Structure formats: structure tokens, C-alpha cells
Amino acid sequence: MTKDITNTVYAELAKHSTVSLDTLDEEDSTFFKNYYGVEFVNATSNQAICYGNWVKHPQVILEAYKLTQAKYNSLEKSIPTTSSDLNYKQFIDHIILYAIAISGKNQLQHIKGKVMSQTRPSLSYDIDATYQYAKDIIAAYEELGVSRDNVIIKIPVTWESMAAAKKLREKDNFYRLGNILESFGYQNTEAIHKYYKAHGIKTTVLIAAMIGLDTMLYCSGVDEMTISPLMMNKILNTPIPKDFEFPHLKQQYTIEEAGPKLTFIDDKEGYYKAFNKNETAVERLKFANDTFESLDGKSMTLIKNTLIEYNLIKH
């Protein structure tokens, strides 16, 4: 028998917003399903989440190594035996792609919808590189038998990466999620939500990595939110506040409330001129990109150490 969650914050949030899980760890989604009877729609990931998943599950790295080894053998490409080999970095990059897909595929077994996988922030100012990396992620999933319809590509937002996202939609029919800013606050979330609703833009507004009960309450009504296992436990055990009216965000707003429609599709200079006026946005984007790039580097080190531990490469 699962725990009764009828009068909890989670139950009320779930009436107005799609609630998804901010982890790739299968044990978390299994726990919430077995203990609370909650089955999530989607699950998200990024470089930090992948790193944490691979630390807990080194078998993912080993499976990704075997797949990369098999691919190299089929292409008659040499397999590096030390980290100083010329093709070592490329080999590790292939392992990372497979590891992303393996972790995502494992989580898909426990959710109802899609898994989200993020492109490298270090590529976000390069249209072609972002586009190609997104395609490489999808190719890794498809090699594992996962349809692209079950994967959402997360892309850190720059003018260039959004041009890549446009290309992914028009040429490849990929699902895309623009990762705008990390920890950007409720007020900016509300402004974004109002803008998309007022102008009838057919985009799902998803608020990721929700932290803090008040933030979740004031974002109720947004299309979707992803929540960490720690915060999920909290809202599953917190009664509905008596003085709070759900949902806080409405589904319809006027243009007067949201502001005029803007577009920078063919205006890179105009985009960065407007963007750079917002010092908080510039700071948060840099912080997020630097953080994820750092975690990407940690994943490379983790993979190297794992391969050395299992005598698959030498120092």
C-alpha cells in the first residue's frame, strides 16, 4: 500500500503543472512509485546529473566503453591504450555519448514520458557544433533502440544555440528544450510564462531544478517543473498551505500584462545588445556554463579512472 498524498503540496501542484523528476537515478523514480504511488512524466539531466549518476553506477561507463570499443572495431579504428594516445579524447567523447544514452534509457523504464539530455555548454556559441552534438546524442540513443520521440535535447540558450535548435526542428524534427538560466528566480519565471501565454507561443515553459517550497508554490500553473528527489520528498510530506490559492500562474494573460512581442531570429547583434543589458542574466548564464563545463571535465576524469581501475587503459 502506498502512502496517502491527497492533501499535500505535490498533489495540488500536479493538478496545475506537469511534475517531472530532476535526476537520472533509477532508484529514485522506483522509490517514489513504490512508496508514494507517483509515476513521473519526464526526467531531466545535465552534466552535473550525469556525473552523479555515473559515480553511483560505474557499470554505465563500462557498458559505454564496450559499445565504443565495438564501434571502433567495426570501423577498423585503433582503440587507445593510454591517455596520451592521439585519439584518446575522441574515444572518451564517444563513451560520454553512449553513457548519456544508457543512463537515459535506464530511466525511461520508470517514467511515462521523455528523458532530457543536454548538449555541451562549451559548444553553445557555435551553431554547427551544437547542432552536431545534439544529433550525436540522438544517434547514441537510437543505437540503443530508443526512439528520438522519447528524448528531449536540452540546449543552453545563446543566439547561436537557438539557431541550432531551429535547425534541429526544421531538418531533424527533434524535441528541444532551451535551458535559459539557472536559479533565475520566481519573478523572471513569471515574466517568461506571461510572455509565452499572452502571445500564444506554442512552447512548453519548463522550470528546472526547483529549490524552495515558496518558489514552487508561486510557480504553480507553469507548464512543467522538474524537482529534485530531496525537494520531491518535502512536497510529498507537506500539507497544502491554508492561505495559498492554486495555481498562482494563469493560463491566459494580456499583451499589456506581458509586454510586446520581440524577435531576434535574424538579429544576432540586437539579441546580445538586449541580453547584455541584464547583468543578472549574463552572470547566471556564465555561472551555469562554467559549472556544467567543470562537471563535464570531472566526468572525463571519472571515466579515465574507471577505465584504469578495470585495466582497460593505462596511465
Protein backbone atom coordinates (compact mmCIF):
# COMPACT_ATOMS: atom_id res chain seq x y z
CA MET A 1 0.00 0.00 0.00
CA THR A 2 1.32 3.44 -0.94
CA LYS A 3 1.25 6.48 1.31
CA ASP A 4 -1.76 8.82 1.05
CA ILE A 5 -0.63 12.10 -0.56
CA THR A 6 -4.09 13.54 -1.27
CA ASN A 7 -3.75 16.79 0.67
CA THR A 8 -0.09 17.51 0.01
CA VAL A 9 1.63 20.31 -1.88
CA TYR A 10 2.66 17.76 -4.52
CA ALA A 11 -0.93 16.66 -5.14
CA GLU A 12 -2.07 20.25 -5.63
CA LEU A 13 0.91 21.20 -7.81
CA ALA A 14 0.33 18.18 -10.03
CA LYS A 15 -3.21 19.40 -10.79
CA HIS A 16 -1.88 22.54 -12.45
CA SER A 17 1.65 21.71 -13.69
CA THR A 18 3.35 18.61 -15.06
CA VAL A 19 5.76 17.49 -12.35
CA SER A 20 8.90 15.73 -13.53
CA LEU A 21 11.96 14.38 -11.75
CA ASP A 22 15.34 16.09 -11.70
CA THR A 23 17.56 13.00 -11.71
CA LEU A 24 18.65 10.04 -13.81
CA ASP A 25 18.94 7.68 -10.83
CA GLU A 26 16.53 4.80 -11.36
CA GLU A 27 16.37 4.06 -7.64
CA ASP A 28 14.75 7.47 -7.03
CA SER A 29 11.96 7.05 -9.56
CA THR A 30 11.39 3.48 -8.31
CA PHE A 31 11.18 4.69 -4.71
CA PHE A 32 8.58 7.37 -5.44
CA LYS A 33 6.49 4.92 -7.45
CA ASN A 34 6.58 2.16 -4.83
CA TYR A 35 6.25 4.30 -1.70
CA TYR A 36 4.04 7.17 -2.85
CA GLY A 37 2.42 5.75 -5.99
CA VAL A 38 3.88 8.61 -8.03
CA GLU A 39 4.99 7.92 -11.60
CA PHE A 40 6.65 10.90 -13.24
CA VAL A 41 6.12 12.07 -16.80
CA ASN A 42 9.64 13.18 -17.70
CA ALA A 43 13.11 13.12 -16.18
CA THR A 44 15.86 15.63 -16.80
CA SER A 45 19.63 15.57 -16.83
CA ASN A 46 22.65 17.76 -17.42
CA GLN A 47 26.40 17.38 -16.96
CA ALA A 48 26.05 17.51 -13.15
CA ILE A 49 23.27 14.91 -13.04
CA CYS A 50 25.13 12.61 -15.43
CA TYR A 51 28.30 12.85 -13.36
CA GLY A 52 26.41 11.97 -10.18
CA ASN A 53 24.69 9.06 -11.91
CA TRP A 54 27.97 7.63 -13.22
CA VAL A 55 29.65 7.94 -9.82
CA LYS A 56 26.86 5.79 -8.36
CA HIS A 57 26.68 3.45 -11.36
CA PRO A 58 30.14 2.77 -12.84
CA GLN A 59 28.61 -0.08 -14.84
CA VAL A 60 27.19 2.61 -17.13
CA ILE A 61 30.73 3.70 -18.01
CA LEU A 62 31.82 0.11 -18.60
CA GLU A 63 28.85 -0.57 -20.86
CA ALA A 64 29.54 2.64 -22.76
CA TYR A 65 33.19 1.59 -23.15
CA LYS A 66 32.15 -1.75 -24.67
CA LEU A 67 29.82 -0.04 -27.13
CA THR A 68 32.53 2.44 -28.13
CA GLN A 69 35.06 -0.38 -28.48
CA ALA A 70 32.68 -2.33 -30.72
CA LYS A 71 32.06 0.75 -32.88
CA TYR A 72 35.76 1.42 -33.29
CA ASN A 73 36.37 -2.22 -34.19
CA SER A 74 33.60 -2.14 -36.80
CA LEU A 75 35.14 0.98 -38.33
CA GLU A 76 38.64 -0.51 -38.09
CA LYS A 77 39.76 2.42 -35.95
CA SER A 78 42.50 2.00 -33.38
CA ILE A 79 41.46 1.86 -29.72
CA PRO A 80 43.60 3.97 -27.37
CA THR A 81 45.52 2.07 -24.71
CA THR A 82 46.81 5.12 -22.79
CA SER A 83 45.52 8.62 -22.10
CA SER A 84 48.39 10.05 -24.13
CA ASP A 85 47.26 8.39 -27.38
CA LEU A 86 46.25 10.87 -30.08
CA ASN A 87 42.70 9.54 -30.37
CA TYR A 88 42.11 9.24 -26.60
CA LYS A 89 39.98 12.42 -26.28
CA GLN A 90 37.76 11.42 -29.19
CA PHE A 91 37.34 7.93 -27.72
CA ILE A 92 36.27 9.38 -24.34
CA ASP A 93 33.82 11.71 -26.09
CA HIS A 94 32.17 8.65 -27.67
CA ILE A 95 31.99 6.95 -24.27
CA ILE A 96 30.25 10.02 -22.84
CA LEU A 97 27.65 10.00 -25.61
CA TYR A 98 26.86 6.33 -25.01
CA ALA A 99 26.83 6.83 -21.24
CA ILE A 100 24.30 9.67 -21.62
CA ALA A 101 22.08 7.39 -23.71
CA ILE A 102 22.45 4.39 -21.38
CA SER A 103 21.51 6.41 -18.28
CA GLY A 104 18.60 7.96 -20.15
CA LYS A 105 17.38 4.62 -21.45
CA ASN A 106 17.51 3.15 -17.95
CA GLN A 107 15.43 5.99 -16.54
CA LEU A 108 12.87 5.73 -19.36
CA GLN A 109 11.85 2.35 -17.96
CA HIS A 110 10.47 4.08 -14.86
CA ILE A 111 8.73 7.19 -16.25
CA LYS A 112 5.78 7.78 -18.56
CA GLY A 113 7.26 10.32 -20.94
CA LYS A 114 10.64 11.52 -22.12
CA VAL A 115 14.17 11.89 -20.85
CA MET A 116 16.10 15.14 -21.31
CA SER A 117 19.76 15.17 -22.31
CA GLN A 118 21.90 18.30 -22.54
CA THR A 119 24.38 19.40 -25.16
CA ARG A 120 27.78 20.69 -24.07
CA PRO A 121 27.70 24.33 -22.87
CA SER A 122 31.22 24.76 -24.26
CA LEU A 123 29.65 24.48 -27.72
CA SER A 124 26.78 26.90 -27.13
CA TYR A 125 28.31 29.75 -29.14
CA ASP A 126 28.84 27.53 -32.18
CA ILE A 127 25.75 26.79 -34.29
CA ASP A 128 27.17 23.83 -36.21
CA ALA A 129 28.89 22.24 -33.21
CA THR A 130 25.75 22.43 -31.05
CA TYR A 131 23.64 21.06 -33.90
CA GLN A 132 26.03 18.16 -34.48
CA TYR A 133 26.36 17.28 -30.79
CA ALA A 134 22.58 17.14 -30.45
CA LYS A 135 22.47 14.79 -33.43
CA ASP A 136 25.23 12.68 -31.87
CA ILE A 137 23.22 12.32 -28.65
CA ILE A 138 20.15 11.20 -30.56
CA ALA A 139 22.24 8.80 -32.65
CA ALA A 140 23.56 7.17 -29.46
CA TYR A 141 20.00 6.74 -28.16
CA GLU A 142 18.81 5.29 -31.44
CA GLU A 143 21.68 2.79 -31.49
CA LEU A 144 20.32 1.58 -28.13
CA GLY A 145 16.84 1.21 -29.58
CA VAL A 146 15.39 4.40 -28.08
CA SER A 147 13.24 6.48 -30.42
CA ARG A 148 14.07 10.17 -30.77
CA ASP A 149 10.44 10.77 -29.82
CA ASN A 150 11.37 9.74 -26.25
CA VAL A 151 14.26 12.20 -25.96
CA ILE A 152 14.30 15.97 -25.43
CA ILE A 153 17.54 17.76 -26.27
CA LYS A 154 18.43 20.46 -23.73
CA ILE A 155 20.41 23.34 -25.14
CA PRO A 156 21.96 26.18 -23.07
CA VAL A 157 20.49 29.31 -24.61
CA THR A 158 22.62 31.66 -26.68
CA TRP A 159 21.70 33.25 -30.00
CA GLU A 160 23.83 30.64 -31.77
CA SER A 161 22.43 27.64 -29.90
CA MET A 162 18.86 28.77 -30.60
CA ALA A 163 19.76 28.94 -34.29
CA ALA A 164 20.94 25.34 -33.89
CA ALA A 165 17.66 24.46 -32.15
CA LYS A 166 15.71 25.96 -35.05
CA LYS A 167 17.75 23.81 -37.43
CA LEU A 168 17.10 20.70 -35.32
CA ARG A 169 13.37 21.34 -35.53
CA GLU A 170 13.23 22.06 -39.23
CA LYS A 171 15.69 19.44 -40.50
CA ASP A 172 15.52 16.64 -37.93
CA ASN A 173 12.22 17.03 -36.06
CA PHE A 174 13.87 16.81 -32.64
CA TYR A 175 12.21 17.82 -29.40
CA ARG A 176 14.21 20.73 -27.94
CA LEU A 177 14.37 22.47 -24.58
CA GLY A 178 16.12 25.81 -24.34
CA ASN A 179 17.92 25.93 -21.00
CA ILE A 180 17.71 29.67 -20.36
CA LEU A 181 19.23 30.35 -16.95
CA GLU A 182 19.97 28.53 -13.73
CA SER A 183 18.46 29.74 -10.44
CA PHE A 184 16.95 32.80 -12.11
CA GLY A 185 14.20 33.39 -9.57
CA TYR A 186 10.42 33.39 -9.47
CA GLN A 187 9.84 36.89 -10.87
CA ASN A 188 11.72 36.16 -14.08
CA THR A 189 9.94 32.82 -14.37
CA GLU A 190 6.60 34.58 -14.09
CA ALA A 191 7.62 37.12 -16.75
CA ILE A 192 8.62 34.36 -19.18
CA HIS A 193 5.40 32.43 -18.51
CA LYS A 194 3.24 35.53 -19.07
CA TYR A 195 5.06 36.39 -22.29
CA TYR A 196 4.56 32.97 -23.89
CA LYS A 197 0.92 32.72 -22.83
CA ALA A 198 -0.01 36.26 -23.89
CA HIS A 199 1.49 35.83 -27.36
CA GLY A 200 0.14 32.30 -27.88
CA ILE A 201 3.59 30.81 -28.44
CA LYS A 202 3.40 27.03 -28.65
CA THR A 203 6.29 26.32 -26.34
CA THR A 204 6.21 24.42 -23.05
CA VAL A 205 7.63 26.59 -20.29
CA LEU A 206 9.57 24.25 -18.01
CA ILE A 207 11.16 25.39 -14.76
CA ALA A 208 14.05 23.08 -13.88
CA ALA A 209 15.80 22.24 -10.61
CA MET A 210 13.14 23.78 -8.37
CA ILE A 211 14.57 24.71 -4.97
CA GLY A 212 12.50 26.07 -2.11
CA LEU A 213 8.87 25.50 -1.23
CA ASP A 214 7.80 29.11 -1.77
CA THR A 215 9.30 29.15 -5.28
CA MET A 216 7.35 26.02 -6.21
CA LEU A 217 4.12 27.45 -4.84
CA TYR A 218 4.48 30.71 -6.78
CA CYS A 219 5.38 28.81 -9.97
CA SER A 220 2.27 26.61 -9.74
CA GLY A 221 0.47 26.79 -13.07
CA VAL A 222 3.64 26.83 -15.16
CA ASP A 223 3.50 24.14 -17.86
CA GLU A 224 6.08 21.87 -16.25
CA MET A 225 8.61 21.80 -13.43
CA THR A 226 11.39 19.35 -12.61
CA ILE A 227 12.09 18.75 -8.94
CA SER A 228 15.00 17.05 -7.20
CA PRO A 229 14.39 13.90 -5.12
CA LEU A 230 15.11 15.87 -1.92
CA MET A 231 12.50 18.53 -2.68
CA MET A 232 10.10 15.92 -4.00
CA ASN A 233 10.15 14.20 -0.63
CA LYS A 234 9.45 17.53 1.01
CA ILE A 235 6.37 18.44 -1.04
CA LEU A 236 5.03 14.89 -0.77
CA ASN A 237 5.01 15.31 3.00
CA THR A 238 3.96 18.97 3.28
CA PRO A 239 0.26 19.83 3.77
CA ILE A 240 -1.38 22.35 1.44
CA PRO A 241 -0.95 25.86 2.92
CA LYS A 242 -4.33 27.16 4.07
CA ASP A 243 -3.69 30.73 2.91
CA PHE A 244 -2.40 29.94 -0.58
CA GLU A 245 -4.56 29.82 -3.71
CA PHE A 246 -3.54 27.43 -6.50
CA PRO A 247 -2.49 27.96 -9.23
CA HIS A 248 -0.57 31.18 -8.88
CA LEU A 249 0.20 31.46 -12.60
CA LYS A 250 -2.73 31.68 -15.00
CA GLN A 251 -3.03 30.19 -18.48
CA GLN A 252 -4.12 33.46 -20.11
CA TYR A 253 -2.55 36.91 -19.96
CA THR A 254 -2.98 40.07 -21.99
CA ILE A 255 -0.23 41.65 -24.07
CA GLU A 256 -0.46 44.64 -21.73
CA GLU A 257 0.48 42.34 -18.85
CA ALA A 258 3.25 40.58 -20.73
CA GLY A 259 4.77 43.25 -22.95
CA PRO A 260 5.18 43.45 -26.74
CA LYS A 261 6.37 40.53 -28.84
CA LEU A 262 10.07 40.56 -29.70
CA THR A 263 12.11 38.52 -32.14
CA PHE A 264 15.85 38.23 -32.70
CA ILE A 265 15.86 35.30 -35.13
CA ASP A 266 17.86 37.20 -37.74
CA ASP A 267 19.33 39.78 -35.42
CA LYS A 268 22.33 38.42 -33.51
CA GLU A 269 23.63 41.92 -32.69
CA GLY A 270 20.24 43.02 -31.37
CA TYR A 271 19.91 39.89 -29.26
CA TYR A 272 23.22 40.36 -27.47
CA LYS A 273 22.64 44.09 -27.08
CA ALA A 274 19.38 43.35 -25.25
CA PHE A 275 20.78 40.38 -23.35
CA ASN A 276 23.87 42.19 -22.10
CA LYS A 277 21.72 44.89 -20.52
CA ASN A 278 20.56 42.30 -17.99
CA GLU A 279 23.59 41.86 -15.73
CA THR A 280 21.93 39.08 -13.75
CA ALA A 281 21.21 37.12 -16.92
CA VAL A 282 24.80 37.49 -18.13
CA GLU A 283 26.16 36.44 -14.74
CA ARG A 284 23.85 33.43 -14.36
CA LEU A 285 24.49 32.15 -17.89
CA LYS A 286 28.24 32.32 -17.36
CA PHE A 287 27.93 30.62 -13.99
CA ALA A 288 25.79 27.82 -15.39
CA ASN A 289 28.03 27.23 -18.39
CA ASP A 290 31.18 27.27 -16.26
CA THR A 291 29.61 24.85 -13.77
CA PHE A 292 28.48 22.37 -16.40
CA GLU A 293 31.79 22.56 -18.25
CA SER A 294 33.57 21.81 -14.96
CA LEU A 295 31.32 18.79 -14.38
CA ASP A 296 31.95 17.65 -17.95
CA GLY A 297 35.66 17.68 -17.12
CA LYS A 298 35.02 15.72 -13.93
CA SER A 299 33.14 13.12 -15.95
CA MET A 300 36.13 12.72 -18.25
CA THR A 301 38.39 12.19 -15.23
CA LEU A 302 35.90 9.74 -13.73
CA ILE A 303 35.79 7.74 -16.96
CA LYS A 304 39.59 7.72 -17.21
CA ASN A 305 39.97 6.50 -13.62
CA THR A 306 37.31 3.84 -14.10
CA LEU A 307 38.98 2.51 -17.24
CA ILE A 308 42.34 2.43 -15.46
CA GLU A 309 40.79 0.64 -12.47
CA TYR A 310 39.44 -2.09 -14.75
CA ASN A 311 42.71 -2.31 -16.72
CA LEU A 312 41.10 -1.08 -19.92
CA ILE A 313 43.68 1.66 -20.41
CA LYS A 314 46.96 2.61 -18.77
CA HIS A 315 48.10 5.97 -17.42
